[in-house]
Amino acid sequence: MGMIYVIGIGPGDTRYGLLGHENLFKKADYIIGSDRHLEILPEEYAHKGVVPPKKLLALEELLRSYDEDKTLVYLASGDPLIYGLGKWLSEKFKGQVEIMPGVSAMQYLASKAFIPMNDAYLTSSHAKIPNFDLIMSLSKVFMVTDDHVGPYQIAQEAVQRGLNKRVIIGENLSYDDEKITSCLAQDVEDREYKMNVVVIMDER
């Protein structure tokens, strides 16, 4: 396996990824990404698409199985170094990775809701229980969520502590069915939320 070019494609809509990757798509022997990621490929490169295994050990085995002269492009959501695979890939394949960031879902939601990120804390609930004592002590937190710890569960942590927090929820960001909701923590609905990012802020 030769170089791995990790391209951040943005939150979904291709306008929020970096442009100008046509030369890498052409050069690549394989273009790796989820079904959703591979949808952005121009038709002439679709045959190079490979959907990777979800488990990291199996993914590492797949990448190492490619011949040394092969060039790989890896498509990742948002910015690969903001709760993406960028860190893992750059550590596992030192000296063989180049990262091109796109706009992260957090940045996208911040721009849509006019929230400066200068003083924001970034975190995630993917496959872990967040440190809610820390999160609720901060004035502004951006969080990527999963099916187990989503907007309602996060909001309830504020309610249980008696905190006056505003919660901004961005679902399916940059897609046609995008939905952005802003409300007080006690008003967050207990329902299923689509692919989302949450901001927890002090209500002023």
Protein backbone atom coordinates (compact mmCIF):
# COMPACT_ATOMS: atom_id res chain seq x y z
CA MET A 1 0.00 0.00 0.00
CA GLY A 2 1.30 3.44 -0.93
CA MET A 3 -0.23 6.71 0.24
CA ILE A 4 -3.65 7.08 1.83
CA TYR A 5 -5.28 10.40 0.96
CA VAL A 6 -7.98 11.09 3.56
CA ILE A 7 -10.54 13.53 2.18
CA GLY A 8 -13.08 15.23 4.42
CA ILE A 9 -16.24 15.49 2.34
CA GLY A 10 -18.10 17.86 4.68
CA PRO A 11 -21.32 17.11 6.57
CA GLY A 12 -22.98 15.66 3.47
CA ASP A 13 -23.58 18.17 0.70
CA THR A 14 -20.49 18.15 -1.53
CA ARG A 15 -20.31 21.96 -1.46
CA TYR A 16 -18.86 21.68 2.07
CA GLY A 17 -15.97 19.37 1.18
CA LEU A 18 -12.78 20.57 -0.41
CA LEU A 19 -12.96 20.85 -4.17
CA GLY A 20 -10.26 19.85 -6.64
CA HIS A 21 -9.85 16.16 -5.82
CA GLU A 22 -10.44 14.97 -9.37
CA ASN A 23 -6.71 14.24 -9.76
CA LEU A 24 -6.74 12.02 -6.65
CA PHE A 25 -9.85 10.15 -7.77
CA LYS A 26 -8.11 9.51 -11.09
CA LYS A 27 -4.83 8.46 -9.42
CA ALA A 28 -6.42 6.21 -6.80
CA ASP A 29 -6.54 2.45 -7.20
CA TYR A 30 -9.29 2.23 -4.58
CA ILE A 31 -11.63 4.84 -3.09
CA ILE A 32 -12.83 3.79 0.34
CA GLY A 33 -15.94 5.10 2.08
CA SER A 34 -19.45 4.29 3.27
CA ASP A 35 -22.29 4.00 0.75
CA ARG A 36 -23.26 7.59 1.63
CA HIS A 37 -19.71 8.84 1.10
CA LEU A 38 -19.26 7.04 -2.20
CA GLU A 39 -22.38 8.73 -3.60
CA ILE A 40 -20.32 11.91 -4.13
CA LEU A 41 -18.00 10.23 -6.62
CA PRO A 42 -18.26 11.18 -10.29
CA GLU A 43 -19.66 8.21 -12.23
CA GLU A 44 -16.37 7.41 -13.97
CA TYR A 45 -14.74 6.59 -10.60
CA ALA A 46 -17.62 4.69 -9.01
CA HIS A 47 -16.07 1.30 -9.92
CA LYS A 48 -13.12 2.09 -7.60
CA GLY A 49 -15.41 2.34 -4.57
CA VAL A 50 -14.88 0.02 -1.59
CA VAL A 51 -17.14 0.00 1.50
CA PRO A 52 -14.83 -0.74 4.48
CA PRO A 53 -15.60 -3.01 7.47
CA LYS A 54 -16.85 -1.13 10.55
CA LYS A 55 -14.49 -2.72 13.05
CA LEU A 56 -11.07 -1.05 13.19
CA LEU A 57 -9.12 -4.31 13.37
CA ALA A 58 -10.77 -5.57 10.17
CA LEU A 59 -10.26 -2.16 8.55
CA GLU A 60 -6.55 -2.22 9.37
CA GLU A 61 -6.26 -5.71 7.88
CA LEU A 62 -8.00 -4.57 4.70
CA LEU A 63 -5.72 -1.55 4.25
CA ARG A 64 -2.56 -3.58 4.90
CA SER A 65 -3.71 -6.18 2.37
CA TYR A 66 -3.25 -3.76 -0.54
CA ASP A 67 0.00 -3.97 -2.51
CA GLU A 68 2.73 -1.41 -1.81
CA ASP A 69 2.22 0.33 -5.14
CA LYS A 70 -1.50 0.96 -4.57
CA THR A 71 -2.79 4.47 -3.90
CA LEU A 72 -5.85 4.78 -1.67
CA VAL A 73 -8.34 7.59 -1.20
CA TYR A 74 -10.36 7.41 2.01
CA LEU A 75 -13.55 9.51 2.13
CA ALA A 76 -14.57 10.65 5.61
CA SER A 77 -17.37 12.79 6.99
CA GLY A 78 -16.71 16.42 7.83
CA ASP A 79 -13.18 17.08 9.02
CA PRO A 80 -11.40 13.73 9.53
CA LEU A 81 -9.57 15.10 12.60
CA ILE A 82 -12.74 16.17 14.44
CA TYR A 83 -14.06 12.89 15.83
CA GLY A 84 -13.25 11.12 12.58
CA LEU A 85 -10.80 8.47 11.38
CA GLY A 86 -7.99 10.94 10.69
CA LYS A 87 -6.23 10.42 14.01
CA TRP A 88 -6.43 6.63 13.90
CA LEU A 89 -5.25 6.41 10.28
CA SER A 90 -2.34 8.83 10.81
CA GLU A 91 -1.14 6.84 13.86
CA LYS A 92 -1.52 3.38 12.29
CA PHE A 93 0.03 4.35 8.97
CA LYS A 94 2.68 6.90 9.92
CA GLY A 95 4.24 8.69 6.97
CA GLN A 96 1.67 7.28 4.53
CA VAL A 97 -1.29 9.55 5.25
CA GLU A 98 -2.22 12.96 3.93
CA ILE A 99 -5.38 14.64 5.27
CA MET A 100 -7.53 17.18 3.44
CA PRO A 101 -10.21 18.54 5.80
CA GLY A 102 -13.76 19.43 4.87
CA VAL A 103 -16.24 21.48 6.89
CA SER A 104 -17.23 19.54 10.01
CA ALA A 105 -20.87 19.10 11.03
CA MET A 106 -20.05 21.15 14.14
CA GLN A 107 -18.75 24.06 12.05
CA TYR A 108 -21.74 23.81 9.73
CA LEU A 109 -24.25 23.97 12.61
CA ALA A 110 -22.34 26.88 14.17
CA SER A 111 -22.62 28.87 10.95
CA LYS A 112 -26.32 28.08 10.51
CA ALA A 113 -27.17 29.03 14.09
CA PHE A 114 -24.70 31.98 14.24
CA ILE A 115 -22.76 30.52 17.17
CA PRO A 116 -19.09 31.63 17.48
CA MET A 117 -16.84 28.65 18.21
CA ASN A 118 -13.96 30.58 19.81
CA ASP A 119 -14.91 29.46 23.32
CA ALA A 120 -16.50 26.11 22.46
CA TYR A 121 -15.59 22.70 23.88
CA LEU A 122 -15.86 19.86 21.35
CA THR A 123 -16.79 16.32 22.38
CA SER A 124 -18.62 13.18 21.32
CA SER A 125 -20.88 10.52 22.81
CA HIS A 126 -19.99 7.90 20.17
CA ALA A 127 -19.59 4.54 21.93
CA LYS A 128 -18.91 6.15 25.31
CA ILE A 129 -20.62 7.85 28.23
CA PRO A 130 -19.65 11.54 28.17
CA ASN A 131 -18.34 13.34 31.25
CA PHE A 132 -21.57 15.22 31.94
CA ASP A 133 -20.26 16.91 35.09
CA LEU A 134 -17.62 18.59 32.93
CA ILE A 135 -19.95 19.27 30.00
CA MET A 136 -22.63 20.88 32.15
CA SER A 137 -20.04 23.07 33.91
CA LEU A 138 -19.03 24.69 30.60
CA SER A 139 -20.79 27.57 28.87
CA LYS A 140 -20.77 26.16 25.31
CA VAL A 141 -20.31 22.57 24.19
CA PHE A 142 -20.62 21.01 20.72
CA MET A 143 -21.28 17.27 20.78
CA VAL A 144 -21.53 14.61 18.08
CA THR A 145 -24.09 12.10 19.33
CA ASP A 146 -25.08 8.48 18.79
CA ASP A 147 -28.23 6.37 19.23
CA HIS A 148 -27.59 5.76 22.93
CA VAL A 149 -26.78 9.27 24.13
CA GLY A 150 -28.71 11.71 21.96
CA PRO A 151 -30.33 15.15 22.33
CA TYR A 152 -32.99 14.10 24.86
CA GLN A 153 -30.56 12.25 27.16
CA ILE A 154 -28.14 15.19 27.02
CA ALA A 155 -30.90 17.68 27.81
CA GLN A 156 -32.06 15.59 30.76
CA GLU A 157 -28.59 15.84 32.30
CA ALA A 158 -29.06 19.63 32.39
CA VAL A 159 -32.62 19.34 33.73
CA GLN A 160 -31.56 16.96 36.53
CA ARG A 161 -28.91 19.45 37.62
CA GLY A 162 -31.39 22.32 37.58
CA LEU A 163 -29.36 24.19 34.97
CA ASN A 164 -30.73 26.82 32.61
CA LYS A 165 -29.33 25.50 29.32
CA ARG A 166 -30.32 26.06 25.71
CA VAL A 167 -29.96 23.10 23.36
CA ILE A 168 -29.54 23.49 19.60
CA ILE A 169 -30.04 20.27 17.64
CA GLY A 170 -28.94 19.91 14.03
CA GLU A 171 -30.31 16.85 12.20
CA ASN A 172 -29.29 15.65 8.72
CA LEU A 173 -27.15 18.75 8.34
CA SER A 174 -26.68 20.04 4.77
CA TYR A 175 -29.15 17.49 3.34
CA ASP A 176 -32.56 18.33 1.87
CA ASP A 177 -34.31 17.19 5.08
CA GLU A 178 -32.06 19.25 7.36
CA LYS A 179 -33.73 20.29 10.61
CA ILE A 180 -32.33 22.69 13.23
CA THR A 181 -34.16 23.04 16.54
CA SER A 182 -33.37 25.50 19.34
CA CYS A 183 -35.11 25.23 22.72
CA LEU A 184 -34.53 25.12 26.46
CA ALA A 185 -33.29 21.80 27.84
CA GLN A 186 -36.62 21.02 29.52
CA ASP A 187 -38.41 21.37 26.18
CA VAL A 188 -36.28 18.86 24.22
CA GLU A 189 -38.58 16.11 22.96
CA ASP A 190 -38.06 12.45 23.79
CA ARG A 191 -38.08 11.11 20.23
CA GLU A 192 -35.82 9.52 17.65
CA TYR A 193 -33.35 12.02 16.19
CA LYS A 194 -31.73 11.63 12.78
CA MET A 195 -27.96 11.94 12.31
CA ASN A 196 -27.23 14.92 14.54
CA VAL A 197 -24.97 17.35 16.36
CA VAL A 198 -25.99 19.08 19.59
CA VAL A 199 -24.88 22.38 21.11
CA ILE A 200 -25.44 22.90 24.86
CA MET A 201 -25.18 26.55 25.89
CA ASP A 202 -25.85 28.67 28.92
CA GLU A 203 -29.16 30.48 28.43
CA ARG A 204 -28.62 34.20 28.83
